[in-house]
Amino acid sequence: MSEGIDHIGIATHSLEDHSEFWSSLGFIQGIDQLNEEQGVKIRFFQTSSGGPKIELLEPLGSDTPIGQFLTKRGEGVQQIAVKTDDINSSIKKLKSLGIRMINEEPVFGANGTKIAFVHPSSTGGVLVELVEH
């Protein structure tokens, strides 16, 4: 089911304010993306070795999921994304185990991915994102 960690999402008020830090550690900045459906501007950083990526998330407004996260918790890790080769099967399996899903059907994410979120109440308080490339 899982192929490992895909990325770690970090909520921030400004992509620019935190990009230099990740670049200084050797992460390679990708092209910014806009996901209007989720109300977020996204900037990925990856390593040359292809390990898990860092995803900076800047809200397009305070009423968006990331905007609300920042209001409640401030800047910081917002989610951990796990790769899956079949998101529909992963969702079905998790639901059969009584795991609470935020998205019971996949939605579109960055870079043409399909994503679905698992509710933190089922994961020990961590928002987990399933990602199918």
N, C-alpha and C. Protein backbone atom coordinates (compact mmCIF):
# COMPACT_ATOMS: atom_id res chain seq x y z
N MET A 1 0.82 -1.18 0.00
CA MET A 1 0.00 0.00 0.00
C MET A 1 0.87 1.26 0.00
N SER A 2 1.73 1.44 0.99
CA SER A 2 2.56 2.64 1.06
C SER A 2 3.90 2.41 0.36
N GLU A 3 4.35 3.45 -0.29
CA GLU A 3 5.67 3.43 -0.93
C GLU A 3 6.63 4.34 -0.18
N GLY A 4 6.27 4.81 1.01
CA GLY A 4 7.14 5.67 1.79
C GLY A 4 6.65 7.11 1.83
N ILE A 5 7.44 7.95 2.47
CA ILE A 5 7.10 9.37 2.61
C ILE A 5 7.35 10.07 1.27
N ASP A 6 6.35 10.79 0.80
CA ASP A 6 6.48 11.58 -0.43
C ASP A 6 6.99 12.97 -0.10
N HIS A 7 6.33 13.62 0.87
CA HIS A 7 6.76 14.96 1.27
C HIS A 7 6.21 15.33 2.63
N ILE A 8 6.76 16.40 3.18
CA ILE A 8 6.29 16.98 4.43
C ILE A 8 5.81 18.38 4.09
N GLY A 9 4.54 18.65 4.41
CA GLY A 9 3.94 19.95 4.12
C GLY A 9 4.09 20.90 5.30
N ILE A 10 4.55 22.11 5.03
CA ILE A 10 4.78 23.11 6.06
C ILE A 10 3.96 24.35 5.74
N ALA A 11 3.07 24.70 6.64
CA ALA A 11 2.25 25.91 6.48
C ALA A 11 3.08 27.14 6.84
N THR A 12 3.00 28.16 6.00
CA THR A 12 3.75 29.38 6.23
C THR A 12 2.94 30.58 5.72
N HIS A 13 3.18 31.71 6.32
CA HIS A 13 2.52 32.94 5.85
C HIS A 13 3.12 33.42 4.54
N SER A 14 4.39 33.02 4.26
CA SER A 14 5.07 33.52 3.07
C SER A 14 6.07 32.49 2.56
N LEU A 15 5.91 32.07 1.31
CA LEU A 15 6.87 31.15 0.70
C LEU A 15 8.27 31.77 0.68
N GLU A 16 8.31 33.07 0.40
CA GLU A 16 9.60 33.75 0.27
C GLU A 16 10.38 33.78 1.58
N ASP A 17 9.66 33.93 2.69
CA ASP A 17 10.33 34.06 3.99
C ASP A 17 11.11 32.80 4.39
N HIS A 18 10.73 31.65 3.85
CA HIS A 18 11.35 30.40 4.31
C HIS A 18 12.10 29.64 3.21
N SER A 19 12.07 30.13 2.00
CA SER A 19 12.72 29.43 0.89
C SER A 19 14.24 29.41 1.00
N GLU A 20 14.82 30.50 1.42
CA GLU A 20 16.28 30.58 1.51
C GLU A 20 16.84 29.51 2.45
N PHE A 21 16.13 29.26 3.56
CA PHE A 21 16.57 28.24 4.51
C PHE A 21 16.70 26.88 3.83
N TRP A 22 15.65 26.44 3.13
CA TRP A 22 15.68 25.11 2.50
C TRP A 22 16.71 25.05 1.39
N SER A 23 16.85 26.14 0.63
CA SER A 23 17.88 26.20 -0.41
C SER A 23 19.27 26.11 0.19
N SER A 24 19.48 26.75 1.34
CA SER A 24 20.81 26.75 1.98
C SER A 24 21.20 25.35 2.45
N LEU A 25 20.22 24.48 2.66
CA LEU A 25 20.50 23.10 3.06
C LEU A 25 20.71 22.18 1.86
N GLY A 26 20.64 22.74 0.66
CA GLY A 26 20.89 21.96 -0.54
C GLY A 26 19.64 21.46 -1.24
N PHE A 27 18.46 21.84 -0.75
CA PHE A 27 17.23 21.47 -1.44
C PHE A 27 17.09 22.32 -2.70
N ILE A 28 16.57 21.73 -3.75
CA ILE A 28 16.41 22.39 -5.05
C ILE A 28 14.97 22.87 -5.17
N GLN A 29 14.81 24.18 -5.38
CA GLN A 29 13.48 24.78 -5.47
C GLN A 29 12.82 24.44 -6.79
N GLY A 30 11.54 24.02 -6.72
CA GLY A 30 10.75 23.76 -7.91
C GLY A 30 9.96 24.99 -8.31
N ILE A 31 9.09 24.80 -9.28
CA ILE A 31 8.25 25.88 -9.80
C ILE A 31 7.02 26.02 -8.90
N ASP A 32 6.67 27.26 -8.56
CA ASP A 32 5.48 27.50 -7.74
C ASP A 32 4.23 27.03 -8.47
N GLN A 33 3.28 26.56 -7.67
CA GLN A 33 2.00 26.12 -8.21
C GLN A 33 0.88 26.75 -7.41
N LEU A 34 -0.27 26.87 -8.04
CA LEU A 34 -1.44 27.44 -7.41
C LEU A 34 -2.55 26.39 -7.45
N ASN A 35 -3.10 26.04 -6.30
CA ASN A 35 -4.24 25.14 -6.23
C ASN A 35 -5.40 25.97 -5.70
N GLU A 36 -6.18 26.51 -6.63
CA GLU A 36 -7.28 27.40 -6.24
C GLU A 36 -8.37 26.63 -5.51
N GLU A 37 -8.57 25.36 -5.86
CA GLU A 37 -9.59 24.54 -5.19
C GLU A 37 -9.31 24.44 -3.69
N GLN A 38 -8.03 24.33 -3.32
CA GLN A 38 -7.66 24.25 -1.92
C GLN A 38 -7.20 25.60 -1.35
N GLY A 39 -7.16 26.63 -2.21
CA GLY A 39 -6.81 27.97 -1.75
C GLY A 39 -5.38 28.10 -1.25
N VAL A 40 -4.44 27.55 -2.03
CA VAL A 40 -3.05 27.53 -1.54
C VAL A 40 -2.06 27.72 -2.68
N LYS A 41 -0.97 28.42 -2.36
CA LYS A 41 0.18 28.54 -3.24
C LYS A 41 1.22 27.56 -2.71
N ILE A 42 1.84 26.79 -3.61
CA ILE A 42 2.70 25.67 -3.23
C ILE A 42 4.08 25.83 -3.84
N ARG A 43 5.11 25.56 -3.04
CA ARG A 43 6.48 25.54 -3.54
C ARG A 43 7.16 24.29 -2.97
N PHE A 44 7.58 23.40 -3.88
CA PHE A 44 8.28 22.19 -3.46
C PHE A 44 9.79 22.40 -3.49
N PHE A 45 10.47 21.71 -2.59
CA PHE A 45 11.93 21.63 -2.56
C PHE A 45 12.28 20.15 -2.53
N GLN A 46 13.24 19.75 -3.36
CA GLN A 46 13.65 18.35 -3.38
C GLN A 46 15.16 18.25 -3.34
N THR A 47 15.63 17.05 -3.04
CA THR A 47 17.07 16.79 -3.02
C THR A 47 17.47 16.14 -4.33
N SER A 48 18.74 16.17 -4.64
CA SER A 48 19.23 15.52 -5.84
C SER A 48 19.14 14.01 -5.72
N SER A 49 19.04 13.50 -4.49
CA SER A 49 18.95 12.05 -4.30
C SER A 49 17.53 11.52 -4.47
N GLY A 50 16.55 12.43 -4.58
CA GLY A 50 15.17 12.01 -4.80
C GLY A 50 14.43 11.57 -3.55
N GLY A 51 14.92 11.93 -2.38
CA GLY A 51 14.24 11.58 -1.13
C GLY A 51 12.97 12.38 -0.95
N PRO A 52 12.35 12.29 0.23
CA PRO A 52 11.14 13.06 0.48
C PRO A 52 11.35 14.54 0.23
N LYS A 53 10.31 15.19 -0.27
CA LYS A 53 10.36 16.61 -0.59
C LYS A 53 9.82 17.44 0.59
N ILE A 54 10.14 18.71 0.58
CA ILE A 54 9.56 19.69 1.48
C ILE A 54 8.57 20.50 0.66
N GLU A 55 7.36 20.67 1.19
CA GLU A 55 6.31 21.43 0.50
C GLU A 55 5.95 22.63 1.37
N LEU A 56 6.27 23.83 0.89
CA LEU A 56 5.83 25.03 1.59
C LEU A 56 4.45 25.41 1.07
N LEU A 57 3.56 25.76 2.01
CA LEU A 57 2.16 26.05 1.70
C LEU A 57 1.80 27.44 2.20
N GLU A 58 1.43 28.32 1.28
CA GLU A 58 1.02 29.69 1.63
C GLU A 58 -0.45 29.86 1.28
N PRO A 59 -1.28 30.27 2.24
CA PRO A 59 -2.71 30.38 1.95
C PRO A 59 -3.02 31.55 1.03
N LEU A 60 -4.08 31.38 0.23
CA LEU A 60 -4.57 32.47 -0.61
C LEU A 60 -5.53 33.38 0.16
N GLY A 61 -5.95 32.92 1.34
CA GLY A 61 -6.83 33.70 2.19
C GLY A 61 -6.96 33.05 3.55
N SER A 62 -7.49 33.79 4.51
CA SER A 62 -7.61 33.27 5.88
C SER A 62 -8.70 32.23 6.02
N ASP A 63 -9.63 32.14 5.05
CA ASP A 63 -10.73 31.19 5.13
C ASP A 63 -10.41 29.86 4.42
N THR A 64 -9.18 29.68 3.99
CA THR A 64 -8.76 28.44 3.34
C THR A 64 -8.26 27.45 4.39
N PRO A 65 -8.13 26.16 4.05
CA PRO A 65 -7.61 25.21 5.05
C PRO A 65 -6.25 25.61 5.63
N ILE A 66 -5.33 26.07 4.80
CA ILE A 66 -4.02 26.48 5.32
C ILE A 66 -4.14 27.78 6.11
N GLY A 67 -4.98 28.71 5.66
CA GLY A 67 -5.22 29.94 6.40
C GLY A 67 -5.78 29.65 7.79
N GLN A 68 -6.72 28.71 7.86
CA GLN A 68 -7.31 28.33 9.14
C GLN A 68 -6.29 27.62 10.03
N PHE A 69 -5.45 26.79 9.42
CA PHE A 69 -4.39 26.11 10.18
C PHE A 69 -3.46 27.14 10.81
N LEU A 70 -3.05 28.12 10.03
CA LEU A 70 -2.14 29.16 10.54
C LEU A 70 -2.78 29.96 11.67
N THR A 71 -4.07 30.24 11.56
CA THR A 71 -4.77 30.98 12.61
C THR A 71 -4.79 30.18 13.90
N LYS A 72 -5.05 28.88 13.80
CA LYS A 72 -5.17 28.02 14.99
C LYS A 72 -3.82 27.62 15.58
N ARG A 73 -2.86 27.29 14.71
CA ARG A 73 -1.62 26.67 15.19
C ARG A 73 -0.35 27.44 14.88
N GLY A 74 -0.43 28.39 13.96
CA GLY A 74 0.77 29.10 13.55
C GLY A 74 1.56 28.30 12.51
N GLU A 75 2.69 28.84 12.11
CA GLU A 75 3.50 28.19 11.09
C GLU A 75 4.08 26.88 11.62
N GLY A 76 4.23 25.93 10.72
CA GLY A 76 4.84 24.66 11.10
C GLY A 76 4.35 23.51 10.25
N VAL A 77 4.75 22.30 10.64
CA VAL A 77 4.37 21.10 9.89
C VAL A 77 2.85 20.98 9.90
N GLN A 78 2.29 20.88 8.71
CA GLN A 78 0.84 20.79 8.56
C GLN A 78 0.42 19.37 8.22
N GLN A 79 1.24 18.64 7.45
CA GLN A 79 0.89 17.28 7.08
C GLN A 79 2.10 16.49 6.64
N ILE A 80 1.96 15.17 6.72
CA ILE A 80 2.95 14.24 6.18
C ILE A 80 2.25 13.48 5.07
N ALA A 81 2.87 13.47 3.89
CA ALA A 81 2.28 12.82 2.73
C ALA A 81 2.96 11.48 2.47
N VAL A 82 2.14 10.47 2.24
CA VAL A 82 2.61 9.11 2.00
C VAL A 82 2.26 8.72 0.57
N LYS A 83 3.25 8.18 -0.15
CA LYS A 83 3.03 7.73 -1.52
C LYS A 83 2.22 6.44 -1.53
N THR A 84 1.34 6.32 -2.50
CA THR A 84 0.62 5.08 -2.74
C THR A 84 0.52 4.88 -4.24
N ASP A 85 0.55 3.64 -4.67
CA ASP A 85 0.44 3.37 -6.11
C ASP A 85 -1.01 3.23 -6.54
N ASP A 86 -1.94 3.10 -5.59
CA ASP A 86 -3.37 2.98 -5.91
C ASP A 86 -4.17 3.64 -4.78
N ILE A 87 -4.46 4.91 -4.96
CA ILE A 87 -5.10 5.68 -3.89
C ILE A 87 -6.50 5.17 -3.57
N ASN A 88 -7.23 4.73 -4.59
CA ASN A 88 -8.59 4.23 -4.34
C ASN A 88 -8.55 2.99 -3.46
N SER A 89 -7.63 2.08 -3.72
CA SER A 89 -7.49 0.88 -2.89
C SER A 89 -7.05 1.24 -1.48
N SER A 90 -6.15 2.23 -1.37
CA SER A 90 -5.68 2.66 -0.06
C SER A 90 -6.83 3.22 0.78
N ILE A 91 -7.64 4.07 0.15
CA ILE A 91 -8.80 4.65 0.85
C ILE A 91 -9.75 3.55 1.29
N LYS A 92 -10.04 2.63 0.38
CA LYS A 92 -10.96 1.53 0.68
C LYS A 92 -10.44 0.69 1.86
N LYS A 93 -9.15 0.37 1.85
CA LYS A 93 -8.57 -0.43 2.92
C LYS A 93 -8.65 0.31 4.26
N LEU A 94 -8.26 1.59 4.26
CA LEU A 94 -8.30 2.37 5.50
C LEU A 94 -9.72 2.45 6.05
N LYS A 95 -10.70 2.72 5.17
CA LYS A 95 -12.08 2.80 5.62
C LYS A 95 -12.56 1.47 6.19
N SER A 96 -12.12 0.35 5.60
CA SER A 96 -12.52 -0.97 6.10
C SER A 96 -11.96 -1.24 7.50
N LEU A 97 -10.87 -0.54 7.83
CA LEU A 97 -10.26 -0.67 9.15
C LEU A 97 -10.85 0.32 10.17
N GLY A 98 -11.84 1.10 9.72
CA GLY A 98 -12.46 2.08 10.61
C GLY A 98 -11.72 3.40 10.69
N ILE A 99 -10.77 3.61 9.78
CA ILE A 99 -10.01 4.87 9.74
C ILE A 99 -10.90 5.96 9.16
N ARG A 100 -10.92 7.10 9.82
CA ARG A 100 -11.74 8.23 9.37
C ARG A 100 -11.00 9.01 8.29
N MET A 101 -11.66 9.19 7.17
CA MET A 101 -11.09 9.92 6.05
C MET A 101 -11.72 11.32 5.96
N ILE A 102 -10.94 12.30 5.59
CA ILE A 102 -11.47 13.63 5.25
C ILE A 102 -12.00 13.57 3.83
N ASN A 103 -11.22 12.94 2.94
CA ASN A 103 -11.62 12.75 1.54
C ASN A 103 -11.88 11.27 1.31
N GLU A 104 -13.13 10.92 1.08
CA GLU A 104 -13.45 9.52 0.79
C GLU A 104 -13.27 9.20 -0.69
N GLU A 105 -13.07 10.24 -1.49
CA GLU A 105 -12.74 10.12 -2.91
C GLU A 105 -11.52 11.01 -3.15
N PRO A 106 -10.60 10.58 -4.02
CA PRO A 106 -9.43 11.42 -4.29
C PRO A 106 -9.82 12.75 -4.94
N VAL A 107 -8.99 13.78 -4.66
CA VAL A 107 -9.11 15.08 -5.31
C VAL A 107 -7.77 15.37 -5.99
N PHE A 108 -7.74 16.41 -6.80
CA PHE A 108 -6.52 16.74 -7.51
C PHE A 108 -5.58 17.55 -6.63
N GLY A 109 -4.29 17.18 -6.65
CA GLY A 109 -3.25 17.88 -5.90
C GLY A 109 -2.24 18.49 -6.83
N ALA A 110 -1.12 18.90 -6.29
CA ALA A 110 -0.04 19.52 -7.07
C ALA A 110 0.59 18.50 -8.01
N ASN A 111 1.17 18.98 -9.08
CA ASN A 111 1.92 18.16 -10.05
C ASN A 111 1.08 17.05 -10.67
N GLY A 112 -0.23 17.27 -10.80
CA GLY A 112 -1.09 16.29 -11.44
C GLY A 112 -1.35 15.05 -10.60
N THR A 113 -1.15 15.14 -9.29
CA THR A 113 -1.36 13.99 -8.42
C THR A 113 -2.82 13.86 -8.02
N LYS A 114 -3.17 12.68 -7.52
CA LYS A 114 -4.44 12.46 -6.84
C LYS A 114 -4.10 12.39 -5.36
N ILE A 115 -4.90 13.07 -4.53
CA ILE A 115 -4.62 13.09 -3.10
C ILE A 115 -5.90 12.82 -2.31
N ALA A 116 -5.72 12.39 -1.07
CA ALA A 116 -6.83 12.24 -0.12
C ALA A 116 -6.23 12.38 1.28
N PHE A 117 -6.97 13.02 2.16
CA PHE A 117 -6.48 13.25 3.52
C PHE A 117 -7.15 12.30 4.50
N VAL A 118 -6.34 11.80 5.44
CA VAL A 118 -6.81 10.97 6.53
C VAL A 118 -7.00 11.88 7.73
N HIS A 119 -8.12 11.74 8.43
CA HIS A 119 -8.41 12.62 9.56
C HIS A 119 -7.42 12.38 10.70
N PRO A 120 -6.91 13.46 11.31
CA PRO A 120 -5.94 13.32 12.40
C PRO A 120 -6.45 12.50 13.60
N SER A 121 -7.76 12.42 13.77
CA SER A 121 -8.30 11.65 14.89
C SER A 121 -8.00 10.16 14.76
N SER A 122 -7.66 9.72 13.56
CA SER A 122 -7.34 8.30 13.32
C SER A 122 -5.84 8.04 13.25
N THR A 123 -5.03 9.08 13.38
CA THR A 123 -3.58 8.91 13.16
C THR A 123 -2.73 9.39 14.33
N GLY A 124 -3.34 9.60 15.47
CA GLY A 124 -2.59 10.11 16.61
C GLY A 124 -2.33 11.60 16.53
N GLY A 125 -3.20 12.32 15.82
CA GLY A 125 -3.10 13.77 15.77
C GLY A 125 -2.34 14.35 14.59
N VAL A 126 -1.93 13.50 13.64
CA VAL A 126 -1.17 13.96 12.47
C VAL A 126 -2.08 13.92 11.24
N LEU A 127 -2.14 15.01 10.50
CA LEU A 127 -2.84 15.01 9.23
C LEU A 127 -1.97 14.26 8.23
N VAL A 128 -2.52 13.18 7.67
CA VAL A 128 -1.77 12.36 6.70
C VAL A 128 -2.45 12.53 5.35
N GLU A 129 -1.62 12.79 4.35
CA GLU A 129 -2.09 12.92 2.96
C GLU A 129 -1.63 11.70 2.19
N LEU A 130 -2.54 11.04 1.51
CA LEU A 130 -2.19 9.98 0.57
C LEU A 130 -1.96 10.62 -0.78
N VAL A 131 -0.90 10.21 -1.49
CA VAL A 131 -0.56 10.82 -2.78
C VAL A 131 -0.31 9.70 -3.80
N GLU A 132 -1.01 9.80 -4.93
CA GLU A 132 -0.76 8.91 -6.06
C GLU A 132 -0.24 9.76 -7.22
N HIS A 133 0.95 9.44 -7.69
CA HIS A 133 1.54 10.17 -8.82
C HIS A 133 1.06 9.60 -10.13
